[in-house]
Amino acid sequence: MESIKRIEIITNYLELKPVIDILNQAGVSGYSVITNVTGSGDRGKVIDDLEIAALTNVYVLSICQQEKEEQVVAAITPLIKKFGGVCIVSDAKWIAH
């Protein structure tokens, strides 16, 4: 097993491309995206009653080597501050296939 960092990002659907660009620029090539994420946070409730993608959130899950963590966090922080959302980085173990 390899020690890695697990990166979880929840942000507005319109910010999905910039988030993926940030991951790619940091050399983080793999990610999974879950659309139509609903919930409640410091900016209130996010619901998908209107079924308009631009008004919903997305969840992006990725992993990276520990040395890339700071680059990803530094690049994602301004986006999260401006548009809202959350970025969680935690320790994880990767079972290589």
PDB file of N, CA and C in Angstrom:
ATOM      1  N   MET A   1       0.836  -1.187   0.000  1.00  0.00           N
ATOM      2  CA  MET A   1       0.000   0.000   0.000  1.00  0.00           C
ATOM      3  C   MET A   1       0.877   1.244   0.000  1.00  0.00           C
ATOM      4  N   GLU A   2       0.359   2.276  -0.636  1.00  0.00           N
ATOM      5  CA  GLU A   2       1.072   3.542  -0.736  1.00  0.00           C
ATOM      6  C   GLU A   2       0.312   4.620   0.031  1.00  0.00           C
ATOM      7  N   SER A   3       1.015   5.429   0.809  1.00  0.00           N
ATOM      8  CA  SER A   3       0.400   6.552   1.495  1.00  0.00           C
ATOM      9  C   SER A   3       0.138   7.668   0.492  1.00  0.00           C
ATOM     10  N   ILE A   4      -1.099   8.171   0.480  1.00  0.00           N
ATOM     11  CA  ILE A   4      -1.511   9.216  -0.447  1.00  0.00           C
ATOM     12  C   ILE A   4      -2.372  10.235   0.284  1.00  0.00           C
ATOM     13  N   LYS A   5      -2.784  11.255  -0.431  1.00  0.00           N
ATOM     14  CA  LYS A   5      -3.742  12.237   0.067  1.00  0.00           C
ATOM     15  C   LYS A   5      -5.040  12.068  -0.719  1.00  0.00           C
ATOM     16  N   ARG A   6      -6.142  12.041   0.001  1.00  0.00           N
ATOM     17  CA  ARG A   6      -7.469  11.973  -0.611  1.00  0.00           C
ATOM     18  C   ARG A   6      -8.003  13.398  -0.666  1.00  0.00           C
ATOM     19  N   ILE A   7      -8.422  13.834  -1.828  1.00  0.00           N
ATOM     20  CA  ILE A   7      -8.917  15.190  -2.016  1.00  0.00           C
ATOM     21  C   ILE A   7     -10.385  15.114  -2.395  1.00  0.00           C
ATOM     22  N   GLU A   8     -11.229  15.785  -1.612  1.00  0.00           N
ATOM     23  CA  GLU A   8     -12.657  15.849  -1.874  1.00  0.00           C
ATOM     24  C   GLU A   8     -13.040  17.316  -2.031  1.00  0.00           C
ATOM     25  N   ILE A   9     -13.670  17.629  -3.142  1.00  0.00           N
ATOM     26  CA  ILE A   9     -14.049  19.013  -3.430  1.00  0.00           C
ATOM     27  C   ILE A   9     -15.532  19.046  -3.767  1.00  0.00           C
ATOM     28  N   ILE A  10     -16.256  19.936  -3.099  1.00  0.00           N
ATOM     29  CA  ILE A  10     -17.650  20.187  -3.437  1.00  0.00           C
ATOM     30  C   ILE A  10     -17.748  21.658  -3.811  1.00  0.00           C
ATOM     31  N   THR A  11     -18.237  21.923  -5.016  1.00  0.00           N
ATOM     32  CA  THR A  11     -18.382  23.297  -5.475  1.00  0.00           C
ATOM     33  C   THR A  11     -19.505  23.383  -6.494  1.00  0.00           C
ATOM     34  N   ASN A  12     -19.786  24.586  -6.944  1.00  0.00           N
ATOM     35  CA  ASN A  12     -20.827  24.821  -7.934  1.00  0.00           C
ATOM     36  C   ASN A  12     -20.486  24.141  -9.253  1.00  0.00           C
ATOM     37  N   TYR A  13     -21.488  23.628  -9.927  1.00  0.00           N
ATOM     38  CA  TYR A  13     -21.303  22.933 -11.203  1.00  0.00           C
ATOM     39  C   TYR A  13     -20.514  23.774 -12.206  1.00  0.00           C
ATOM     40  N   LEU A  14     -20.734  25.086 -12.218  1.00  0.00           N
ATOM     41  CA  LEU A  14     -20.043  25.955 -13.162  1.00  0.00           C
ATOM     42  C   LEU A  14     -18.534  26.009 -12.914  1.00  0.00           C
ATOM     43  N   GLU A  15     -18.095  25.601 -11.731  1.00  0.00           N
ATOM     44  CA  GLU A  15     -16.671  25.614 -11.398  1.00  0.00           C
ATOM     45  C   GLU A  15     -15.998  24.262 -11.619  1.00  0.00           C
ATOM     46  N   LEU A  16     -16.713  23.305 -12.202  1.00  0.00           N
ATOM     47  CA  LEU A  16     -16.148  21.973 -12.421  1.00  0.00           C
ATOM     48  C   LEU A  16     -14.927  22.022 -13.342  1.00  0.00           C
ATOM     49  N   LYS A  17     -15.022  22.719 -14.465  1.00  0.00           N
ATOM     50  CA  LYS A  17     -13.877  22.788 -15.382  1.00  0.00           C
ATOM     51  C   LYS A  17     -12.659  23.422 -14.718  1.00  0.00           C
ATOM     52  N   PRO A  18     -12.797  24.560 -14.020  1.00  0.00           N
ATOM     53  CA  PRO A  18     -11.620  25.110 -13.329  1.00  0.00           C
ATOM     54  C   PRO A  18     -11.028  24.149 -12.298  1.00  0.00           C
ATOM     55  N   VAL A  19     -11.863  23.396 -11.595  1.00  0.00           N
ATOM     56  CA  VAL A  19     -11.366  22.427 -10.608  1.00  0.00           C
ATOM     57  C   VAL A  19     -10.550  21.345 -11.320  1.00  0.00           C
ATOM     58  N   ILE A  20     -11.084  20.823 -12.410  1.00  0.00           N
ATOM     59  CA  ILE A  20     -10.367  19.785 -13.160  1.00  0.00           C
ATOM     60  C   ILE A  20      -9.068  20.350 -13.740  1.00  0.00           C
ATOM     61  N   ASP A  21      -9.109  21.593 -14.210  1.00  0.00           N
ATOM     62  CA  ASP A  21      -7.888  22.235 -14.716  1.00  0.00           C
ATOM     63  C   ASP A  21      -6.827  22.330 -13.618  1.00  0.00           C
ATOM     64  N   ILE A  22      -7.240  22.680 -12.407  1.00  0.00           N
ATOM     65  CA  ILE A  22      -6.309  22.778 -11.271  1.00  0.00           C
ATOM     66  C   ILE A  22      -5.677  21.422 -10.999  1.00  0.00           C
ATOM     67  N   LEU A  23      -6.490  20.374 -10.988  1.00  0.00           N
ATOM     68  CA  LEU A  23      -5.965  19.028 -10.750  1.00  0.00           C
ATOM     69  C   LEU A  23      -4.971  18.629 -11.844  1.00  0.00           C
ATOM     70  N   ASN A  24      -5.328  18.892 -13.089  1.00  0.00           N
ATOM     71  CA  ASN A  24      -4.438  18.545 -14.205  1.00  0.00           C
ATOM     72  C   ASN A  24      -3.129  19.314 -14.140  1.00  0.00           C
ATOM     73  N   GLN A  25      -3.184  20.608 -13.828  1.00  0.00           N
ATOM     74  CA  GLN A  25      -1.973  21.423 -13.749  1.00  0.00           C
ATOM     75  C   GLN A  25      -1.040  20.944 -12.637  1.00  0.00           C
ATOM     76  N   ALA A  26      -1.625  20.366 -11.598  1.00  0.00           N
ATOM     77  CA  ALA A  26      -0.818  19.842 -10.489  1.00  0.00           C
ATOM     78  C   ALA A  26      -0.296  18.437 -10.781  1.00  0.00           C
ATOM     79  N   GLY A  27      -0.695  17.875 -11.907  1.00  0.00           N
ATOM     80  CA  GLY A  27      -0.256  16.529 -12.249  1.00  0.00           C
ATOM     81  C   GLY A  27      -1.120  15.442 -11.644  1.00  0.00           C
ATOM     82  N   VAL A  28      -2.316  15.812 -11.222  1.00  0.00           N
ATOM     83  CA  VAL A  28      -3.274  14.852 -10.664  1.00  0.00           C
ATOM     84  C   VAL A  28      -4.234  14.496 -11.790  1.00  0.00           C
ATOM     85  N   SER A  29      -4.069  13.325 -12.375  1.00  0.00           N
ATOM     86  CA  SER A  29      -4.801  13.003 -13.600  1.00  0.00           C
ATOM     87  C   SER A  29      -6.105  12.245 -13.373  1.00  0.00           C
ATOM     88  N   GLY A  30      -6.262  11.611 -12.244  1.00  0.00           N
ATOM     89  CA  GLY A  30      -7.456  10.814 -12.015  1.00  0.00           C
ATOM     90  C   GLY A  30      -8.423  11.490 -11.065  1.00  0.00           C
ATOM     91  N   TYR A  31      -9.703  11.385 -11.387  1.00  0.00           N
ATOM     92  CA  TYR A  31     -10.726  11.945 -10.517  1.00  0.00           C
ATOM     93  C   TYR A  31     -12.071  11.310 -10.858  1.00  0.00           C
ATOM     94  N   SER A  32     -12.987  11.410  -9.923  1.00  0.00           N
ATOM     95  CA  SER A  32     -14.371  10.990 -10.144  1.00  0.00           C
ATOM     96  C   SER A  32     -15.266  12.181  -9.831  1.00  0.00           C
ATOM     97  N   VAL A  33     -16.364  12.330 -10.579  1.00  0.00           N
ATOM     98  CA  VAL A  33     -17.284  13.443 -10.399  1.00  0.00           C
ATOM     99  C   VAL A  33     -18.683  12.902 -10.153  1.00  0.00           C
ATOM    100  N   ILE A  34     -19.316  13.414  -9.122  1.00  0.00           N
ATOM    101  CA  ILE A  34     -20.721  13.117  -8.854  1.00  0.00           C
ATOM    102  C   ILE A  34     -21.472  14.430  -9.000  1.00  0.00           C
ATOM    103  N   THR A  35     -22.490  14.446  -9.865  1.00  0.00           N
ATOM    104  CA  THR A  35     -23.255  15.666 -10.105  1.00  0.00           C
ATOM    105  C   THR A  35     -24.516  15.698  -9.253  1.00  0.00           C
ATOM    106  N   ASN A  36     -25.178  16.842  -9.249  1.00  0.00           N
ATOM    107  CA  ASN A  36     -26.435  17.058  -8.519  1.00  0.00           C
ATOM    108  C   ASN A  36     -26.282  16.783  -7.027  1.00  0.00           C
ATOM    109  N   VAL A  37     -25.235  17.336  -6.433  1.00  0.00           N
ATOM    110  CA  VAL A  37     -24.986  17.178  -5.005  1.00  0.00           C
ATOM    111  C   VAL A  37     -25.821  18.204  -4.253  1.00  0.00           C
ATOM    112  N   THR A  38     -26.583  17.746  -3.295  1.00  0.00           N
ATOM    113  CA  THR A  38     -27.410  18.647  -2.497  1.00  0.00           C
ATOM    114  C   THR A  38     -26.977  18.586  -1.044  1.00  0.00           C
ATOM    115  N   GLY A  39     -27.351  19.614  -0.304  1.00  0.00           N
ATOM    116  CA  GLY A  39     -27.005  19.640   1.109  1.00  0.00           C
ATOM    117  C   GLY A  39     -27.177  21.031   1.676  1.00  0.00           C
ATOM    118  N   SER A  40     -26.545  21.255   2.806  1.00  0.00           N
ATOM    119  CA  SER A  40     -26.645  22.539   3.481  1.00  0.00           C
ATOM    120  C   SER A  40     -25.280  22.914   4.025  1.00  0.00           C
ATOM    121  N   GLY A  41     -24.948  24.188   3.930  1.00  0.00           N
ATOM    122  CA  GLY A  41     -23.663  24.667   4.422  1.00  0.00           C
ATOM    123  C   GLY A  41     -23.770  26.096   4.886  1.00  0.00           C
ATOM    124  N   ASP A  42     -22.635  26.768   4.999  1.00  0.00           N
ATOM    125  CA  ASP A  42     -22.647  28.130   5.511  1.00  0.00           C
ATOM    126  C   ASP A  42     -23.301  29.120   4.551  1.00  0.00           C
ATOM    127  N   ARG A  43     -23.535  28.728   3.315  1.00  0.00           N
ATOM    128  CA  ARG A  43     -24.231  29.589   2.357  1.00  0.00           C
ATOM    129  C   ARG A  43     -25.683  29.168   2.163  1.00  0.00           C
ATOM    130  N   GLY A  44     -26.180  28.306   3.037  1.00  0.00           N
ATOM    131  CA  GLY A  44     -27.568  27.870   2.966  1.00  0.00           C
ATOM    132  C   GLY A  44     -27.718  26.515   2.304  1.00  0.00           C
ATOM    133  N   LYS A  45     -28.979  26.187   1.996  1.00  0.00           N
ATOM    134  CA  LYS A  45     -29.284  24.895   1.390  1.00  0.00           C
ATOM    135  C   LYS A  45     -29.058  24.933  -0.107  1.00  0.00           C
ATOM    136  N   VAL A  46     -28.600  23.796  -0.636  1.00  0.00           N
ATOM    137  CA  VAL A  46     -28.465  23.607  -2.082  1.00  0.00           C
ATOM    138  C   VAL A  46     -29.427  22.492  -2.454  1.00  0.00           C
ATOM    139  N   ILE A  47     -30.398  22.834  -3.300  1.00  0.00           N
ATOM    140  CA  ILE A  47     -31.383  21.840  -3.722  1.00  0.00           C
ATOM    141  C   ILE A  47     -31.392  21.774  -5.238  1.00  0.00           C
ATOM    142  N   ASP A  48     -31.926  20.702  -5.779  1.00  0.00           N
ATOM    143  CA  ASP A  48     -31.963  20.552  -7.235  1.00  0.00           C
ATOM    144  C   ASP A  48     -33.387  20.492  -7.761  1.00  0.00           C
ATOM    145  N   ASP A  49     -34.319  21.168  -7.088  1.00  0.00           N
ATOM    146  CA  ASP A  49     -35.715  21.149  -7.512  1.00  0.00           C
ATOM    147  C   ASP A  49     -35.915  21.665  -8.936  1.00  0.00           C
ATOM    148  N   LEU A  50     -35.110  22.635  -9.340  1.00  0.00           N
ATOM    149  CA  LEU A  50     -35.269  23.221 -10.664  1.00  0.00           C
ATOM    150  C   LEU A  50     -34.615  22.388 -11.753  1.00  0.00           C
ATOM    151  N   GLU A  51     -33.770  21.455 -11.345  1.00  0.00           N
ATOM    152  CA  GLU A  51     -33.045  20.589 -12.267  1.00  0.00           C
ATOM    153  C   GLU A  51     -32.269  21.390 -13.304  1.00  0.00           C
ATOM    154  N   ILE A  52     -31.715  22.507 -12.872  1.00  0.00           N
ATOM    155  CA  ILE A  52     -30.851  23.309 -13.728  1.00  0.00           C
ATOM    156  C   ILE A  52     -29.432  23.063 -13.249  1.00  0.00           C
ATOM    157  N   ALA A  53     -28.616  22.484 -14.102  1.00  0.00           N
ATOM    158  CA  ALA A  53     -27.265  22.074 -13.699  1.00  0.00           C
ATOM    159  C   ALA A  53     -26.461  23.221 -13.114  1.00  0.00           C
ATOM    160  N   ALA A  54     -26.621  24.423 -13.652  1.00  0.00           N
ATOM    161  CA  ALA A  54     -25.834  25.568 -13.202  1.00  0.00           C
ATOM    162  C   ALA A  54     -26.107  25.921 -11.750  1.00  0.00           C
ATOM    163  N   LEU A  55     -27.248  25.503 -11.217  1.00  0.00           N
ATOM    164  CA  LEU A  55     -27.607  25.836  -9.848  1.00  0.00           C
ATOM    165  C   LEU A  55     -27.283  24.725  -8.860  1.00  0.00           C
ATOM    166  N   THR A  56     -26.683  23.641  -9.339  1.00  0.00           N
ATOM    167  CA  THR A  56     -26.389  22.517  -8.453  1.00  0.00           C
ATOM    168  C   THR A  56     -24.893  22.448  -8.156  1.00  0.00           C
ATOM    169  N   ASN A  57     -24.558  21.592  -7.231  1.00  0.00           N
ATOM    170  CA  ASN A  57     -23.165  21.379  -6.861  1.00  0.00           C
ATOM    171  C   ASN A  57     -22.650  20.068  -7.436  1.00  0.00           C
ATOM    172  N   VAL A  58     -21.321  19.945  -7.467  1.00  0.00           N
ATOM    173  CA  VAL A  58     -20.664  18.718  -7.883  1.00  0.00           C
ATOM    174  C   VAL A  58     -19.680  18.298  -6.796  1.00  0.00           C
ATOM    175  N   TYR A  59     -19.431  17.001  -6.735  1.00  0.00           N
ATOM    176  CA  TYR A  59     -18.467  16.418  -5.797  1.00  0.00           C
ATOM    177  C   TYR A  59     -17.358  15.808  -6.642  1.00  0.00           C
ATOM    178  N   VAL A  60     -16.127  16.238  -6.375  1.00  0.00           N
ATOM    179  CA  VAL A  60     -14.976  15.716  -7.101  1.00  0.00           C
ATOM    180  C   VAL A  60     -14.094  14.975  -6.104  1.00  0.00           C
ATOM    181  N   LEU A  61     -13.814  13.728  -6.400  1.00  0.00           N
ATOM    182  CA  LEU A  61     -12.944  12.903  -5.558  1.00  0.00           C
ATOM    183  C   LEU A  61     -11.690  12.580  -6.345  1.00  0.00           C
ATOM    184  N   SER A  62     -10.541  12.815  -5.722  1.00  0.00           N
ATOM    185  CA  SER A  62      -9.274  12.505  -6.363  1.00  0.00           C
ATOM    186  C   SER A  62      -8.267  12.102  -5.301  1.00  0.00           C
ATOM    187  N   ILE A  63      -7.137  11.595  -5.763  1.00  0.00           N
ATOM    188  CA  ILE A  63      -6.030  11.278  -4.870  1.00  0.00           C
ATOM    189  C   ILE A  63      -4.756  11.844  -5.477  1.00  0.00           C
ATOM    190  N   CYS A  64      -3.775  12.090  -4.636  1.00  0.00           N
ATOM    191  CA  CYS A  64      -2.486  12.553  -5.140  1.00  0.00           C
ATOM    192  C   CYS A  64      -1.382  12.124  -4.190  1.00  0.00           C
ATOM    193  N   GLN A  65      -0.161  12.215  -4.695  1.00  0.00           N
ATOM    194  CA  GLN A  65       0.982  11.959  -3.844  1.00  0.00           C
ATOM    195  C   GLN A  65       1.085  13.112  -2.844  1.00  0.00           C
ATOM    196  N   GLN A  66       1.656  12.815  -1.696  1.00  0.00           N
ATOM    197  CA  GLN A  66       1.730  13.791  -0.619  1.00  0.00           C
ATOM    198  C   GLN A  66       2.417  15.081  -1.046  1.00  0.00           C
ATOM    199  N   GLU A  67       3.422  14.991  -1.906  1.00  0.00           N
ATOM    200  CA  GLU A  67       4.167  16.190  -2.308  1.00  0.00           C
ATOM    201  C   GLU A  67       3.358  17.123  -3.220  1.00  0.00           C
ATOM    202  N   LYS A  68       2.247  16.656  -3.777  1.00  0.00           N
ATOM    203  CA  LYS A  68       1.400  17.501  -4.634  1.00  0.00           C
ATOM    204  C   LYS A  68       0.270  18.164  -3.860  1.00  0.00           C
ATOM    205  N   GLU A  69       0.075  17.767  -2.613  1.00  0.00           N
ATOM    206  CA  GLU A  69      -1.031  18.282  -1.798  1.00  0.00           C
ATOM    207  C   GLU A  69      -1.016  19.802  -1.713  1.00  0.00           C
ATOM    208  N   GLU A  70       0.119  20.392  -1.369  1.00  0.00           N
ATOM    209  CA  GLU A  70       0.194  21.843  -1.177  1.00  0.00           C
ATOM    210  C   GLU A  70      -0.121  22.593  -2.462  1.00  0.00           C
ATOM    211  N   GLN A  71       0.325  22.095  -3.597  1.00  0.00           N
ATOM    212  CA  GLN A  71       0.056  22.757  -4.869  1.00  0.00           C
ATOM    213  C   GLN A  71      -1.443  22.760  -5.172  1.00  0.00           C
ATOM    214  N   VAL A  72      -2.103  21.639  -4.945  1.00  0.00           N
ATOM    215  CA  VAL A  72      -3.545  21.551  -5.194  1.00  0.00           C
ATOM    216  C   VAL A  72      -4.292  22.475  -4.242  1.00  0.00           C
ATOM    217  N   VAL A  73      -3.965  22.428  -2.967  1.00  0.00           N
ATOM    218  CA  VAL A  73      -4.659  23.248  -1.972  1.00  0.00           C
ATOM    219  C   VAL A  73      -4.457  24.741  -2.252  1.00  0.00           C
ATOM    220  N   ALA A  74      -3.239  25.149  -2.588  1.00  0.00           N
ATOM    221  CA  ALA A  74      -2.959  26.561  -2.882  1.00  0.00           C
ATOM    222  C   ALA A  74      -3.768  27.042  -4.083  1.00  0.00           C
ATOM    223  N   ALA A  75      -3.933  26.187  -5.084  1.00  0.00           N
ATOM    224  CA  ALA A  75      -4.659  26.582  -6.291  1.00  0.00           C
ATOM    225  C   ALA A  75      -6.170  26.551  -6.104  1.00  0.00           C
ATOM    226  N   ILE A  76      -6.674  25.641  -5.272  1.00  0.00           N
ATOM    227  CA  ILE A  76      -8.123  25.495  -5.111  1.00  0.00           C
ATOM    228  C   ILE A  76      -8.695  26.492  -4.095  1.00  0.00           C
ATOM    229  N   THR A  77      -7.877  26.951  -3.162  1.00  0.00           N
ATOM    230  CA  THR A  77      -8.359  27.835  -2.093  1.00  0.00           C
ATOM    231  C   THR A  77      -9.018  29.111  -2.621  1.00  0.00           C
ATOM    232  N   PRO A  78      -8.414  29.856  -3.552  1.00  0.00           N
ATOM    233  CA  PRO A  78      -9.082  31.071  -4.045  1.00  0.00           C
ATOM    234  C   PRO A  78     -10.427  30.782  -4.712  1.00  0.00           C
ATOM    235  N   LEU A  79     -10.530  29.671  -5.427  1.00  0.00           N
ATOM    236  CA  LEU A  79     -11.777  29.305  -6.080  1.00  0.00           C
ATOM    237  C   LEU A  79     -12.863  29.026  -5.051  1.00  0.00           C
ATOM    238  N   ILE A  80     -12.525  28.277  -4.003  1.00  0.00           N
ATOM    239  CA  ILE A  80     -13.488  27.952  -2.951  1.00  0.00           C
ATOM    240  C   ILE A  80     -13.921  29.229  -2.214  1.00  0.00           C
ATOM    241  N   LYS A  81     -12.979  30.112  -1.945  1.00  0.00           N
ATOM    242  CA  LYS A  81     -13.306  31.363  -1.249  1.00  0.00           C
ATOM    243  C   LYS A  81     -14.233  32.236  -2.083  1.00  0.00           C
ATOM    244  N   LYS A  82     -14.014  32.271  -3.390  1.00  0.00           N
ATOM    245  CA  LYS A  82     -14.805  33.139  -4.261  1.00  0.00           C
ATOM    246  C   LYS A  82     -16.191  32.578  -4.552  1.00  0.00           C
ATOM    247  N   PHE A  83     -16.268  31.285  -4.856  1.00  0.00           N
ATOM    248  CA  PHE A  83     -17.521  30.699  -5.312  1.00  0.00           C
ATOM    249  C   PHE A  83     -18.208  29.798  -4.294  1.00  0.00           C
ATOM    250  N   GLY A  84     -17.563  29.565  -3.153  1.00  0.00           N
ATOM    251  CA  GLY A  84     -18.150  28.694  -2.141  1.00  0.00           C
ATOM    252  C   GLY A  84     -17.789  27.242  -2.382  1.00  0.00           C
ATOM    253  N   GLY A  85     -18.121  26.444  -1.422  1.00  0.00           N
ATOM    254  CA  GLY A  85     -17.825  25.026  -1.510  1.00  0.00           C
ATOM    255  C   GLY A  85     -16.888  24.610  -0.400  1.00  0.00           C
ATOM    256  N   VAL A  86     -16.340  23.439  -0.555  1.00  0.00           N
ATOM    257  CA  VAL A  86     -15.458  22.895   0.474  1.00  0.00           C
ATOM    258  C   VAL A  86     -14.406  22.018  -0.189  1.00  0.00           C
ATOM    259  N   CYS A  87     -13.228  21.999   0.406  1.00  0.00           N
ATOM    260  CA  CYS A  87     -12.161  21.105  -0.031  1.00  0.00           C
ATOM    261  C   CYS A  87     -11.633  20.407   1.211  1.00  0.00           C
ATOM    262  N   ILE A  88     -11.655  19.098   1.188  1.00  0.00           N
ATOM    263  CA  ILE A  88     -11.193  18.285   2.318  1.00  0.00           C
ATOM    264  C   ILE A  88     -10.024  17.439   1.837  1.00  0.00           C
ATOM    265  N   VAL A  89      -8.928  17.500   2.574  1.00  0.00           N
ATOM    266  CA  VAL A  89      -7.757  16.684   2.266  1.00  0.00           C
ATOM    267  C   VAL A  89      -7.492  15.795   3.474  1.00  0.00           C
ATOM    268  N   SER A  90      -7.372  14.498   3.228  1.00  0.00           N
ATOM    269  CA  SER A  90      -7.127  13.560   4.328  1.00  0.00           C
ATOM    270  C   SER A  90      -6.095  12.524   3.904  1.00  0.00           C
ATOM    271  N   ASP A  91      -5.515  11.889   4.896  1.00  0.00           N
ATOM    272  CA  ASP A  91      -4.563  10.811   4.644  1.00  0.00           C
ATOM    273  C   ASP A  91      -5.325   9.553   4.224  1.00  0.00           C
ATOM    274  N   ALA A  92      -4.733   8.819   3.311  1.00  0.00           N
ATOM    275  CA  ALA A  92      -5.353   7.582   2.852  1.00  0.00           C
ATOM    276  C   ALA A  92      -4.257   6.605   2.436  1.00  0.00           C
ATOM    277  N   LYS A  93      -4.652   5.390   2.213  1.00  0.00           N
ATOM    278  CA  LYS A  93      -3.760   4.344   1.692  1.00  0.00           C
ATOM    279  C   LYS A  93      -4.339   3.860   0.378  1.00  0.00           C
ATOM    280  N   TRP A  94      -3.472   3.703  -0.604  1.00  0.00           N
ATOM    281  CA  TRP A  94      -3.880   3.265  -1.923  1.00  0.00           C
ATOM    282  C   TRP A  94      -3.360   1.857  -2.154  1.00  0.00           C
ATOM    283  N   ILE A  95      -4.238   0.990  -2.544  1.00  0.00           N
ATOM    284  CA  ILE A  95      -3.851  -0.367  -2.908  1.00  0.00           C
ATOM    285  C   ILE A  95      -3.658  -0.373  -4.423  1.00  0.00           C
ATOM    286  N   ALA A  96      -2.417  -0.411  -4.843  1.00  0.00           N
ATOM    287  CA  ALA A  96      -2.109  -0.375  -6.284  1.00  0.00           C
ATOM    288  C   ALA A  96      -2.639  -1.613  -6.981  1.00  0.00           C
ATOM    289  N   HIS A  97      -3.130  -1.428  -8.179  1.00  0.00           N
ATOM    290  CA  HIS A  97      -3.679  -2.549  -8.953  1.00  0.00           C
ATOM    291  C   HIS A  97      -2.733  -3.007 -10.033  1.00  0.00           C
TER     292      HIS A  97
END
